Amino acid sequence: MIFRSPHPDVPIPDVPYSSFILRHARDRADRPVLVDGPSGRTLTQGQVAGGARRMAAGLARRGFTKRDVVAICSPNLPEYALAFHGSLMIGGIVTTANPLYTPEELGFQLRDTGAKYLITIPLFLDKAREAARGTSVREIFVFGDPPPENAGATPFAALLDNDGDPPAVSIDATNDLAVLPYSSGTSGRPKGVMLTHRNLVAVTRQVEAQAQIDETWRTLGILPFFHIYGQAVLMNFPLYLGGLCVTMPRFDLAEFLRLIQEYRLTHLYLVPPIVLALARHPLVDQFDLSSVKLIGSGAAPLDENLQRACADRLKCLVTQGYGMTET
């Protein structure tokens, strides 16, 4: 039996994901879209789109070809979006790895995907080098401060040092893979989840259709971008809609509350332990969170009493959703 929704079908454009997400970047070129919470470093829509094109061109100069894999092992940073979309623009596949992986766990994912390039941060460079041994990784790039000359890595900025004119690549949105996030591995080794460009466009359109959000929304990028939840909703929705995402590389309650207050954030997408802190922790009373309109919880069940307690304390709507990386 086929079940049909009483609501109209949500149209899913058959287009490459980066073209879909960045389609308004030129019109919104000067609008801030990604902010690094700890430093305040800001990227505009135009900087993200232009940076992604320069990265695509930089990869092409290194012999990158369609279906080559780029691995990103990094906490949440604005530059994550440049690496993500630059890889997709040139027909590449992005595999996102948990930055807390051990060298052995990261090495397994690199071998399993056949990744040719790995992007990380200085703090994780030693782990990245160890993980890359015996894999297909040709070069390691580092976000942020340039690594020492003998560190066996290249500054990510070197990929962007070009005119931003990547070669045209034909992408079949329905069949070409875009990302390979990995499952949690609760029943064995983690497994790569094969998501096409159209799969990701569908996720964006589905969330857009039910979330009722627009370019005025302001959110906090605390859920990891290596996970489909943080990647699809927090990193890419601001690029698509024109809102703002303030990134946090790691969770700290006081910093979390400070950023909500400072940037007047309107929509928070969280997991139950953070909802619990908002509902019960005394530190919450020291900050002005009146800008928050909605909290969405996912990744694990949210108790009804906790949901109500958080809503009552913050005077906002608290919802929860269910989803799987595979779907």
Protein backbone atom coordinates (compact mmCIF):
# COMPACT_ATOMS: atom_id res chain seq x y z
CA MET A 1 0.00 0.00 0.00
CA ILE A 2 1.25 3.48 -0.88
CA PHE A 3 0.51 6.20 1.68
CA ARG A 4 0.08 9.76 0.42
CA SER A 5 0.26 12.99 2.39
CA PRO A 6 -2.81 15.24 2.28
CA HIS A 7 -0.41 18.11 1.53
CA PRO A 8 0.99 18.89 -1.93
CA ASP A 9 4.27 17.28 -2.92
CA VAL A 10 7.38 19.32 -2.19
CA PRO A 11 9.14 19.96 -5.52
CA ILE A 12 12.73 18.70 -5.57
CA PRO A 13 14.86 20.44 -8.24
CA ASP A 14 17.23 18.12 -10.11
CA VAL A 15 20.30 20.36 -9.81
CA PRO A 16 23.81 20.12 -8.29
CA TYR A 17 23.71 20.81 -4.57
CA SER A 18 26.16 23.73 -4.49
CA SER A 19 24.38 25.46 -7.36
CA PHE A 20 21.14 25.09 -5.41
CA ILE A 21 22.50 26.27 -2.05
CA LEU A 22 24.53 29.19 -3.43
CA ARG A 23 22.08 30.34 -6.09
CA HIS A 24 21.43 33.70 -4.38
CA ALA A 25 25.04 34.38 -3.37
CA ARG A 26 25.55 37.10 -5.96
CA ASP A 27 22.45 39.02 -4.86
CA ARG A 28 23.48 38.70 -1.20
CA ALA A 29 27.21 39.03 -1.72
CA ASP A 30 27.77 41.49 1.15
CA ARG A 31 25.47 39.82 3.66
CA PRO A 32 27.24 38.10 6.62
CA VAL A 33 26.35 34.42 6.68
CA LEU A 34 28.91 32.53 8.80
CA VAL A 35 30.57 33.87 11.95
CA ASP A 36 33.25 32.16 14.02
CA GLY A 37 31.89 32.49 17.55
CA PRO A 38 35.18 32.63 19.50
CA SER A 39 36.90 35.20 17.26
CA GLY A 40 34.06 37.00 15.47
CA ARG A 41 35.65 36.24 12.09
CA THR A 42 32.91 36.65 9.50
CA LEU A 43 32.31 35.37 5.98
CA THR A 44 29.75 36.93 3.67
CA GLN A 45 27.69 35.09 1.07
CA GLY A 46 30.00 36.40 -1.63
CA GLN A 47 33.12 35.29 0.24
CA VAL A 48 31.76 31.77 0.68
CA ALA A 49 30.75 31.42 -2.97
CA GLY A 50 33.96 33.00 -4.26
CA GLY A 51 36.12 31.03 -1.86
CA ALA A 52 34.45 27.78 -2.87
CA ARG A 53 35.14 28.52 -6.54
CA ARG A 54 38.78 29.29 -5.79
CA MET A 55 39.10 26.06 -3.83
CA ALA A 56 37.59 24.12 -6.74
CA ALA A 57 40.12 25.75 -9.08
CA GLY A 58 42.93 24.98 -6.63
CA LEU A 59 41.96 21.32 -6.50
CA ALA A 60 41.81 21.16 -10.30
CA ARG A 61 45.38 22.48 -10.49
CA ARG A 62 46.43 19.57 -8.32
CA GLY A 63 44.94 17.03 -10.71
CA PHE A 64 41.65 16.56 -8.86
CA THR A 65 39.04 14.85 -11.04
CA LYS A 66 35.35 14.04 -10.78
CA ARG A 67 34.48 11.52 -8.04
CA ASP A 68 37.74 12.10 -6.16
CA VAL A 69 37.14 12.23 -2.40
CA VAL A 70 38.02 15.06 -0.01
CA ALA A 71 37.94 14.24 3.72
CA ILE A 72 37.24 16.99 6.25
CA CYS A 73 38.19 16.32 9.88
CA SER A 74 37.60 19.58 11.69
CA PRO A 75 35.43 21.22 14.33
CA ASN A 76 32.84 23.74 13.14
CA LEU A 77 34.43 26.72 11.40
CA PRO A 78 33.15 29.13 8.72
CA GLU A 79 35.79 27.79 6.31
CA TYR A 80 34.21 24.34 6.52
CA ALA A 81 31.61 25.60 4.03
CA LEU A 82 34.31 26.68 1.56
CA ALA A 83 35.94 23.25 1.67
CA PHE A 84 32.59 21.49 1.40
CA HIS A 85 31.20 23.40 -1.56
CA GLY A 86 34.53 23.82 -3.33
CA SER A 87 34.85 20.05 -3.45
CA LEU A 88 31.31 19.54 -4.73
CA MET A 89 31.62 22.23 -7.43
CA ILE A 90 34.31 20.27 -9.20
CA GLY A 91 32.40 17.00 -9.01
CA GLY A 92 34.16 15.72 -5.92
CA ILE A 93 32.74 13.75 -3.01
CA VAL A 94 33.09 15.00 0.56
CA THR A 95 33.47 12.57 3.43
CA THR A 96 33.12 14.24 6.82
CA ALA A 97 34.90 12.72 9.81
CA ASN A 98 34.44 13.15 13.54
CA PRO A 99 37.37 15.32 14.72
CA LEU A 100 37.45 13.30 17.96
CA TYR A 101 38.27 10.10 16.09
CA THR A 102 41.45 8.28 17.01
CA PRO A 103 44.10 7.95 14.28
CA GLU A 104 42.95 4.37 13.74
CA GLU A 105 39.30 5.37 13.34
CA LEU A 106 40.13 8.23 10.98
CA GLY A 107 42.51 6.00 9.03
CA PHE A 108 39.75 3.45 8.50
CA GLN A 109 37.47 6.11 7.00
CA LEU A 110 40.25 7.43 4.77
CA ARG A 111 40.98 3.94 3.44
CA ASP A 112 37.32 3.01 3.11
CA THR A 113 36.54 6.09 1.01
CA GLY A 114 39.81 6.25 -0.90
CA ALA A 115 40.15 9.92 0.06
CA LYS A 116 42.88 11.76 -1.85
CA TYR A 117 42.92 14.95 0.22
CA LEU A 118 42.43 15.57 3.93
CA ILE A 119 41.56 18.90 5.55
CA THR A 120 42.00 19.46 9.28
CA ILE A 121 43.16 22.06 11.85
CA PRO A 122 46.61 22.55 13.42
CA LEU A 123 45.52 20.90 16.68
CA PHE A 124 44.73 17.64 14.88
CA LEU A 125 47.60 17.64 12.39
CA ASP A 126 49.65 14.96 14.15
CA LYS A 127 46.62 12.69 14.26
CA ALA A 128 45.83 13.42 10.62
CA ARG A 129 49.36 12.55 9.49
CA GLU A 130 49.31 9.30 11.42
CA ALA A 131 45.87 8.39 10.07
CA ALA A 132 46.90 9.16 6.47
CA ARG A 133 49.80 6.70 6.44
CA GLY A 134 49.11 3.80 4.12
CA THR A 135 46.05 5.50 2.59
CA SER A 136 45.38 7.20 -0.75
CA VAL A 137 45.78 10.68 0.77
CA ARG A 138 48.10 12.77 -1.40
CA GLU A 139 48.09 15.99 0.58
CA ILE A 140 46.90 17.31 3.93
CA PHE A 141 45.57 20.86 4.19
CA VAL A 142 45.24 22.85 7.41
CA PHE A 143 42.65 25.51 8.19
CA GLY A 144 43.90 28.57 10.05
CA ASP A 145 47.52 29.26 10.95
CA PRO A 146 50.04 27.89 8.42
CA PRO A 147 51.80 24.73 9.60
CA PRO A 148 55.62 24.67 9.94
CA GLU A 149 57.45 24.05 6.67
CA ASN A 150 58.47 20.53 7.71
CA ALA A 151 55.04 19.59 9.08
CA GLY A 152 53.98 17.61 6.03
CA ALA A 153 50.91 19.77 5.41
CA THR A 154 49.80 22.71 3.27
CA PRO A 155 47.88 25.81 4.41
CA PHE A 156 44.27 25.66 3.26
CA ALA A 157 44.77 29.23 2.03
CA ALA A 158 47.13 27.88 -0.65
CA LEU A 159 44.15 26.21 -2.32
CA LEU A 160 42.48 29.60 -2.65
CA ASP A 161 45.43 31.38 -4.24
CA ASN A 162 44.09 31.53 -7.81
CA ASP A 163 41.61 33.38 -10.03
CA GLY A 164 38.62 31.28 -8.98
CA ASP A 165 37.88 29.87 -12.42
CA PRO A 166 37.45 26.09 -12.00
CA PRO A 167 36.87 23.88 -15.04
CA ALA A 168 33.26 23.06 -15.88
CA VAL A 169 32.18 19.64 -14.65
CA SER A 170 28.97 17.87 -15.65
CA ILE A 171 27.09 16.65 -12.56
CA ASP A 172 24.19 14.21 -12.68
CA ALA A 173 22.33 15.36 -9.56
CA THR A 174 20.25 12.18 -9.32
CA ASN A 175 23.11 9.70 -9.54
CA ASP A 176 26.38 11.45 -8.66
CA LEU A 177 27.46 11.19 -5.03
CA ALA A 178 27.97 14.42 -3.12
CA VAL A 179 28.77 13.33 0.44
CA LEU A 180 29.82 10.22 2.33
CA PRO A 181 29.04 10.80 6.01
CA TYR A 182 29.64 7.80 8.25
CA SER A 183 27.17 6.02 10.49
CA SER A 184 27.79 5.75 14.22
CA GLY A 185 28.88 2.13 13.99
CA THR A 186 26.68 0.89 16.83
CA SER A 187 26.37 -2.57 15.23
CA GLY A 188 29.89 -2.84 13.84
CA ARG A 189 32.29 -0.61 11.98
CA PRO A 190 30.91 2.75 10.79
CA LYS A 191 29.62 2.61 7.24
CA GLY A 192 29.65 5.31 4.58
CA VAL A 193 26.22 6.62 3.65
CA MET A 194 26.02 7.40 -0.06
CA LEU A 195 24.08 10.63 -0.59
CA THR A 196 23.64 12.19 -4.01
CA HIS A 197 23.26 15.86 -4.86
CA ARG A 198 19.52 15.35 -5.23
CA ASN A 199 19.32 13.65 -1.83
CA LEU A 200 20.77 16.78 -0.22
CA VAL A 201 18.54 19.12 -2.21
CA ALA A 202 15.56 17.06 -1.02
CA VAL A 203 16.61 17.43 2.63
CA THR A 204 16.87 21.19 2.21
CA ARG A 205 13.49 21.51 0.53
CA GLN A 206 11.78 19.27 3.09
CA VAL A 207 13.11 21.26 6.03
CA GLU A 208 12.27 24.53 4.30
CA ALA A 209 8.70 23.40 3.65
CA GLN A 210 7.95 22.57 7.28
CA ALA A 211 10.22 24.91 9.27
CA GLN A 212 8.68 28.22 8.12
CA ILE A 213 11.94 30.12 8.38
CA ASP A 214 13.31 32.91 6.22
CA GLU A 215 16.35 35.14 5.76
CA THR A 216 15.83 36.80 9.16
CA TRP A 217 16.63 33.62 11.09
CA ARG A 218 19.84 33.50 13.12
CA THR A 219 21.14 30.23 14.46
CA LEU A 220 24.07 28.68 16.33
CA GLY A 221 26.31 26.11 14.67
CA ILE A 222 26.98 23.93 17.69
CA LEU A 223 25.90 20.58 16.25
CA PRO A 224 28.87 19.12 14.34
CA PHE A 225 29.07 19.80 10.63
CA PHE A 226 30.40 16.28 10.09
CA HIS A 227 26.91 15.03 11.01
CA ILE A 228 24.06 15.35 8.52
CA TYR A 229 21.94 17.32 11.05
CA GLY A 230 24.51 20.08 11.53
CA GLN A 231 25.65 19.96 7.92
CA ALA A 232 22.26 20.23 6.23
CA VAL A 233 20.43 22.50 8.68
CA LEU A 234 23.07 24.67 10.34
CA MET A 235 25.86 25.08 7.80
CA ASN A 236 23.90 25.10 4.56
CA PHE A 237 20.53 26.61 5.41
CA PRO A 238 21.95 30.12 6.04
CA LEU A 239 23.71 29.92 2.67
CA TYR A 240 20.45 28.92 1.02
CA LEU A 241 18.06 31.28 2.81
CA GLY A 242 20.35 34.18 3.61
CA GLY A 243 20.27 33.86 7.41
CA LEU A 244 23.21 33.78 9.82
CA CYS A 245 25.03 30.90 11.53
CA VAL A 246 27.45 31.53 14.41
CA THR A 247 29.79 28.55 14.66
CA MET A 248 31.10 26.97 17.86
CA PRO A 249 34.06 24.57 17.61
CA ARG A 250 33.15 22.94 20.92
CA PHE A 251 30.37 23.23 23.47
CA ASP A 252 30.78 25.39 26.54
CA LEU A 253 27.57 26.45 28.29
CA ALA A 254 28.65 29.99 29.22
CA GLU A 255 29.99 30.66 25.71
CA PHE A 256 26.86 29.12 24.19
CA LEU A 257 24.65 31.47 26.19
CA ARG A 258 26.88 34.48 25.48
CA LEU A 259 26.64 33.94 21.73
CA ILE A 260 22.85 33.63 21.84
CA GLN A 261 22.66 36.93 23.73
CA GLU A 262 25.28 38.80 21.66
CA TYR A 263 23.99 37.79 18.22
CA ARG A 264 20.30 37.77 19.16
CA LEU A 265 19.87 34.26 17.80
CA THR A 266 16.34 33.23 16.92
CA HIS A 267 16.42 29.49 16.14
CA LEU A 268 18.43 26.87 18.00
CA TYR A 269 18.88 23.31 16.75
CA LEU A 270 20.11 21.19 19.62
CA VAL A 271 20.29 17.75 21.23
CA PRO A 272 18.51 16.75 24.48
CA PRO A 273 21.48 17.29 26.87
CA ILE A 274 21.69 20.95 25.81
CA VAL A 275 17.92 21.33 26.11
CA LEU A 276 18.28 19.96 29.64
CA ALA A 277 20.85 22.64 30.46
CA LEU A 278 18.55 25.37 29.12
CA ALA A 279 15.70 24.04 31.24
CA ARG A 280 17.55 23.48 34.51
CA HIS A 281 20.97 25.17 34.75
CA PRO A 282 21.12 28.31 36.97
CA LEU A 283 23.60 29.99 34.60
CA VAL A 284 20.80 30.50 32.07
CA ASP A 285 19.27 33.23 34.25
CA GLN A 286 22.36 35.42 33.79
CA PHE A 287 21.78 35.88 30.05
CA ASP A 288 19.12 37.52 27.90
CA LEU A 289 17.73 34.77 25.66
CA SER A 290 14.54 36.60 24.75
CA SER A 291 15.44 36.58 21.04
CA VAL A 292 14.96 32.80 20.81
CA LYS A 293 11.75 31.92 18.99
CA LEU A 294 12.20 28.19 18.43
CA ILE A 295 14.29 25.31 19.69
CA GLY A 296 14.42 22.13 17.63
CA SER A 297 15.78 18.99 19.27
CA GLY A 298 16.96 15.91 17.43
CA ALA A 299 19.42 12.98 17.34
CA ALA A 300 17.80 11.40 20.43
CA PRO A 301 14.35 11.37 22.08
CA LEU A 302 13.35 14.43 24.10
CA ASP A 303 11.24 13.76 27.19
CA GLU A 304 7.88 15.55 27.14
CA ASN A 305 8.34 17.04 30.62
CA LEU A 306 11.78 18.36 29.68
CA GLN A 307 10.38 19.80 26.45
CA ARG A 308 7.69 21.64 28.39
CA ALA A 309 10.12 22.86 31.09
CA CYS A 310 12.45 24.37 28.50
CA ALA A 311 9.57 26.02 26.63
CA ASP A 312 8.20 27.51 29.84
CA ARG A 313 11.56 28.88 30.96
CA LEU A 314 12.57 30.45 27.65
CA LYS A 315 9.04 31.37 26.54
CA CYS A 316 9.57 29.85 23.10
CA LEU A 317 8.39 26.92 21.03
CA VAL A 318 10.32 23.67 21.61
CA THR A 319 9.91 20.91 19.04
CA GLN A 320 11.63 17.67 18.24
CA GLY A 321 12.27 15.87 15.00
CA TYR A 322 13.43 12.51 13.76
CA GLY A 323 15.72 11.75 10.88
CA MET A 324 18.43 9.39 9.70
CA THR A 325 21.62 10.01 7.77
CA GLU A 326 20.48 7.26 5.40
CA THR A 327 17.19 9.00 4.57
